[in-house]
N, C-alpha and C. Protein backbone atom coordinates (compact mmCIF):
# COMPACT_ATOMS: atom_id res chain seq x y z
N UNK A 1 33.29 128.74 96.28
CA UNK A 1 34.09 128.50 97.46
C UNK A 1 35.23 127.55 97.08
N UNK A 2 36.43 127.95 97.44
CA UNK A 2 37.60 127.11 97.15
C UNK A 2 37.70 126.00 98.19
N UNK A 3 38.53 125.01 97.90
CA UNK A 3 38.72 123.91 98.85
C UNK A 3 39.28 124.40 100.20
N UNK A 4 40.31 125.27 100.21
CA UNK A 4 40.78 125.78 101.51
C UNK A 4 39.70 126.56 102.26
N UNK A 5 38.88 127.34 101.54
CA UNK A 5 37.80 128.07 102.20
C UNK A 5 36.79 127.12 102.82
N UNK A 6 36.44 126.07 102.07
CA UNK A 6 35.47 125.09 102.57
C UNK A 6 36.02 124.38 103.81
N UNK A 7 37.28 123.99 103.77
CA UNK A 7 37.88 123.30 104.92
C UNK A 7 37.97 124.23 106.12
N UNK A 8 38.32 125.49 105.87
CA UNK A 8 38.40 126.46 106.95
C UNK A 8 37.05 126.61 107.65
N UNK A 9 35.99 126.75 106.87
CA UNK A 9 34.65 126.91 107.45
C UNK A 9 34.24 125.65 108.20
N UNK A 10 34.59 124.48 107.71
CA UNK A 10 34.30 123.24 108.44
C UNK A 10 34.95 123.27 109.81
N UNK A 11 36.20 123.70 109.87
CA UNK A 11 36.92 123.75 111.14
C UNK A 11 36.33 124.81 112.07
N UNK A 12 35.98 125.97 111.52
CA UNK A 12 35.36 127.02 112.31
C UNK A 12 34.05 126.50 112.93
N UNK A 13 33.27 125.80 112.13
CA UNK A 13 32.01 125.25 112.65
C UNK A 13 32.27 124.24 113.77
N UNK A 14 33.32 123.43 113.64
CA UNK A 14 33.66 122.47 114.69
C UNK A 14 34.03 123.20 115.97
N UNK A 15 34.80 124.28 115.86
CA UNK A 15 35.17 125.06 117.04
C UNK A 15 33.92 125.65 117.69
N UNK A 16 33.10 126.33 116.89
CA UNK A 16 31.92 127.02 117.42
C UNK A 16 30.87 126.08 117.97
N UNK A 17 30.80 124.87 117.44
CA UNK A 17 29.77 123.92 117.88
C UNK A 17 30.29 122.90 118.88
N UNK A 18 31.48 123.13 119.40
CA UNK A 18 32.02 122.25 120.43
C UNK A 18 31.12 122.28 121.65
N UNK A 19 31.03 121.14 122.31
CA UNK A 19 30.17 121.05 123.48
C UNK A 19 30.91 121.28 124.79
N UNK A 20 32.20 120.95 124.81
CA UNK A 20 32.98 121.09 126.05
C UNK A 20 34.20 121.97 125.80
N UNK A 21 34.81 122.43 126.88
CA UNK A 21 36.02 123.24 126.76
C UNK A 21 37.16 122.45 126.12
N UNK A 22 37.27 121.18 126.49
CA UNK A 22 38.33 120.34 125.94
C UNK A 22 38.15 120.18 124.43
N UNK A 23 36.94 119.88 124.01
CA UNK A 23 36.65 119.73 122.59
C UNK A 23 36.91 121.04 121.85
N UNK A 24 36.50 122.15 122.44
CA UNK A 24 36.72 123.47 121.85
C UNK A 24 38.22 123.73 121.66
N UNK A 25 38.99 123.44 122.67
CA UNK A 25 40.43 123.64 122.62
C UNK A 25 41.05 122.78 121.51
N UNK A 26 40.65 121.52 121.43
CA UNK A 26 41.22 120.62 120.42
C UNK A 26 40.90 121.08 119.00
N UNK A 27 39.66 121.47 118.74
CA UNK A 27 39.31 121.95 117.40
C UNK A 27 39.98 123.28 117.10
N UNK A 28 40.12 124.13 118.11
CA UNK A 28 40.79 125.42 117.89
C UNK A 28 42.26 125.20 117.53
N UNK A 29 42.89 124.24 118.17
CA UNK A 29 44.29 123.92 117.84
C UNK A 29 44.41 123.41 116.40
N UNK A 30 43.48 122.59 115.96
CA UNK A 30 43.48 122.11 114.58
C UNK A 30 43.29 123.26 113.60
N UNK A 31 42.40 124.17 113.96
CA UNK A 31 42.16 125.34 113.11
C UNK A 31 43.43 126.18 112.98
N UNK A 32 44.10 126.41 114.10
CA UNK A 32 45.35 127.18 114.07
C UNK A 32 46.41 126.46 113.26
N UNK A 33 46.50 125.15 113.40
CA UNK A 33 47.44 124.37 112.62
C UNK A 33 47.14 124.44 111.13
N UNK A 34 45.87 124.42 110.79
CA UNK A 34 45.46 124.54 109.38
C UNK A 34 45.94 125.88 108.82
N UNK A 35 45.72 126.96 109.57
CA UNK A 35 46.15 128.28 109.11
C UNK A 35 47.67 128.34 108.96
N UNK A 36 48.39 127.72 109.89
CA UNK A 36 49.85 127.68 109.78
C UNK A 36 50.27 126.92 108.53
N UNK A 37 49.58 125.83 108.23
CA UNK A 37 49.88 125.05 107.04
C UNK A 37 49.60 125.83 105.76
N UNK A 38 48.50 126.55 105.75
CA UNK A 38 48.18 127.39 104.58
C UNK A 38 49.29 128.41 104.35
N UNK A 39 49.73 129.04 105.42
CA UNK A 39 50.80 130.04 105.32
C UNK A 39 52.10 129.39 104.86
N UNK A 40 52.43 128.23 105.41
CA UNK A 40 53.67 127.54 105.04
C UNK A 40 53.67 127.14 103.57
N UNK A 41 52.50 126.93 103.01
CA UNK A 41 52.40 126.54 101.60
C UNK A 41 52.26 127.75 100.68
N UNK A 42 52.39 128.94 101.24
CA UNK A 42 52.33 130.16 100.44
C UNK A 42 50.93 130.71 100.26
N UNK A 43 49.96 130.17 101.00
CA UNK A 43 48.59 130.66 100.90
C UNK A 43 48.37 131.89 101.75
N UNK A 44 47.18 132.44 101.64
CA UNK A 44 46.83 133.67 102.34
C UNK A 44 45.88 133.36 103.49
N UNK A 45 46.44 133.15 104.67
CA UNK A 45 45.62 132.86 105.84
C UNK A 45 44.75 134.05 106.21
N UNK A 46 45.22 135.25 105.97
CA UNK A 46 44.43 136.45 106.27
C UNK A 46 43.13 136.47 105.49
N UNK A 47 43.17 136.00 104.26
CA UNK A 47 41.96 135.92 103.44
C UNK A 47 40.95 134.97 104.09
N UNK A 48 41.44 133.82 104.58
CA UNK A 48 40.55 132.84 105.20
C UNK A 48 39.92 133.40 106.47
N UNK A 49 40.69 134.15 107.24
CA UNK A 49 40.17 134.74 108.47
C UNK A 49 39.05 135.73 108.14
N UNK A 50 39.27 136.59 107.16
CA UNK A 50 38.23 137.54 106.75
C UNK A 50 37.03 136.79 106.16
N UNK A 51 37.29 135.74 105.42
CA UNK A 51 36.23 134.93 104.82
C UNK A 51 35.35 134.30 105.90
N UNK A 52 35.97 133.84 106.98
CA UNK A 52 35.21 133.24 108.07
C UNK A 52 34.21 134.22 108.67
N UNK A 53 34.63 135.45 108.88
CA UNK A 53 33.72 136.48 109.39
C UNK A 53 32.58 136.73 108.39
N UNK A 54 32.92 136.82 107.11
CA UNK A 54 31.91 137.07 106.07
C UNK A 54 30.87 135.96 106.03
N UNK A 55 31.32 134.72 106.13
CA UNK A 55 30.39 133.59 106.11
C UNK A 55 29.45 133.65 107.31
N UNK A 56 29.99 133.92 108.48
CA UNK A 56 29.14 133.98 109.68
C UNK A 56 28.12 135.12 109.55
N UNK A 57 28.55 136.27 109.07
CA UNK A 57 27.61 137.38 108.90
C UNK A 57 26.54 137.01 107.88
N UNK A 58 26.94 136.30 106.82
CA UNK A 58 25.99 135.84 105.81
C UNK A 58 24.97 134.87 106.38
N UNK A 59 25.34 134.17 107.42
CA UNK A 59 24.44 133.25 108.11
C UNK A 59 23.54 133.98 109.11
N UNK A 60 23.75 135.28 109.26
CA UNK A 60 22.95 136.06 110.19
C UNK A 60 23.50 136.12 111.59
N UNK A 61 24.75 135.66 111.77
CA UNK A 61 25.37 135.68 113.10
C UNK A 61 25.81 137.11 113.41
N UNK A 62 25.37 137.61 114.55
CA UNK A 62 25.72 138.96 114.97
C UNK A 62 26.31 138.88 116.37
N UNK A 63 27.56 138.46 116.45
CA UNK A 63 28.26 138.39 117.74
C UNK A 63 29.73 138.64 117.49
N UNK A 64 30.47 138.93 118.55
CA UNK A 64 31.89 139.17 118.42
C UNK A 64 32.58 137.91 117.94
N UNK A 65 33.44 138.06 116.92
CA UNK A 65 34.14 136.91 116.37
C UNK A 65 35.46 137.35 115.75
N UNK A 66 36.30 136.38 115.56
CA UNK A 66 37.56 136.59 114.86
C UNK A 66 37.75 135.40 113.92
N UNK A 67 37.73 135.67 112.66
CA UNK A 67 37.88 134.60 111.68
C UNK A 67 36.70 133.66 111.65
N UNK A 68 35.56 134.13 112.13
CA UNK A 68 34.36 133.31 112.19
C UNK A 68 34.21 132.57 113.50
N UNK A 69 35.25 132.58 114.32
CA UNK A 69 35.21 131.90 115.62
C UNK A 69 34.62 132.87 116.64
N UNK A 70 33.58 132.41 117.33
CA UNK A 70 32.88 133.25 118.30
C UNK A 70 33.75 133.50 119.52
N UNK A 71 33.93 134.77 119.85
CA UNK A 71 34.76 135.14 121.00
C UNK A 71 34.03 134.96 122.32
N UNK A 72 32.70 134.88 122.27
CA UNK A 72 31.92 134.69 123.50
C UNK A 72 31.47 133.24 123.67
N UNK A 73 32.15 132.31 123.02
CA UNK A 73 31.78 130.90 123.09
C UNK A 73 31.78 130.42 124.54
N UNK A 74 30.79 129.65 124.88
CA UNK A 74 30.69 129.00 126.18
C UNK A 74 30.31 127.54 125.94
N UNK A 75 30.75 126.64 126.80
CA UNK A 75 30.41 125.22 126.61
C UNK A 75 28.91 124.99 126.74
N UNK A 76 28.41 124.07 125.92
CA UNK A 76 27.00 123.67 126.03
C UNK A 76 26.81 122.86 127.30
N UNK A 77 27.83 122.05 127.60
CA UNK A 77 27.80 121.23 128.81
C UNK A 77 29.22 120.80 129.11
N UNK A 78 29.58 120.77 130.34
CA UNK A 78 30.86 120.20 130.74
C UNK A 78 30.57 118.78 131.22
N UNK A 79 30.91 117.83 130.42
CA UNK A 79 30.62 116.44 130.71
C UNK A 79 31.63 115.92 131.74
N UNK A 80 31.13 115.39 132.83
CA UNK A 80 31.98 114.82 133.87
C UNK A 80 32.21 113.35 133.54
N UNK A 81 33.45 113.00 133.24
CA UNK A 81 33.75 111.62 132.85
C UNK A 81 34.37 110.82 133.99
N UNK A 82 34.44 111.42 135.19
CA UNK A 82 35.00 110.67 136.32
C UNK A 82 33.98 109.65 136.79
N UNK A 83 34.48 108.58 137.33
CA UNK A 83 33.59 107.51 137.79
C UNK A 83 32.74 108.01 138.95
N UNK A 84 31.44 107.90 138.79
CA UNK A 84 30.52 108.30 139.84
C UNK A 84 30.27 109.79 139.89
N UNK A 85 30.87 110.55 138.99
CA UNK A 85 30.68 112.00 138.99
C UNK A 85 31.50 112.65 140.08
N UNK A 86 31.62 113.93 140.00
CA UNK A 86 32.40 114.63 141.03
C UNK A 86 31.70 115.88 141.48
């Protein structure tokens, strides 16, 4: 596994294991930024996207995904941070 592949999988795992919608959105934005950076540096982002799917399948994951990111992701919990709850 190359360094970009390892970093990509780390980010994919952060996206997939997010607990809230806000956290999911933030990690997904970082993942997209990483792919843009790879492309800007002359790397092959398409390879990383295919690699993400391969890694997930190798882990036994059988769900709809794109680049290893689960398309059916749902929050584990939506944490209410307002005072006293809402």
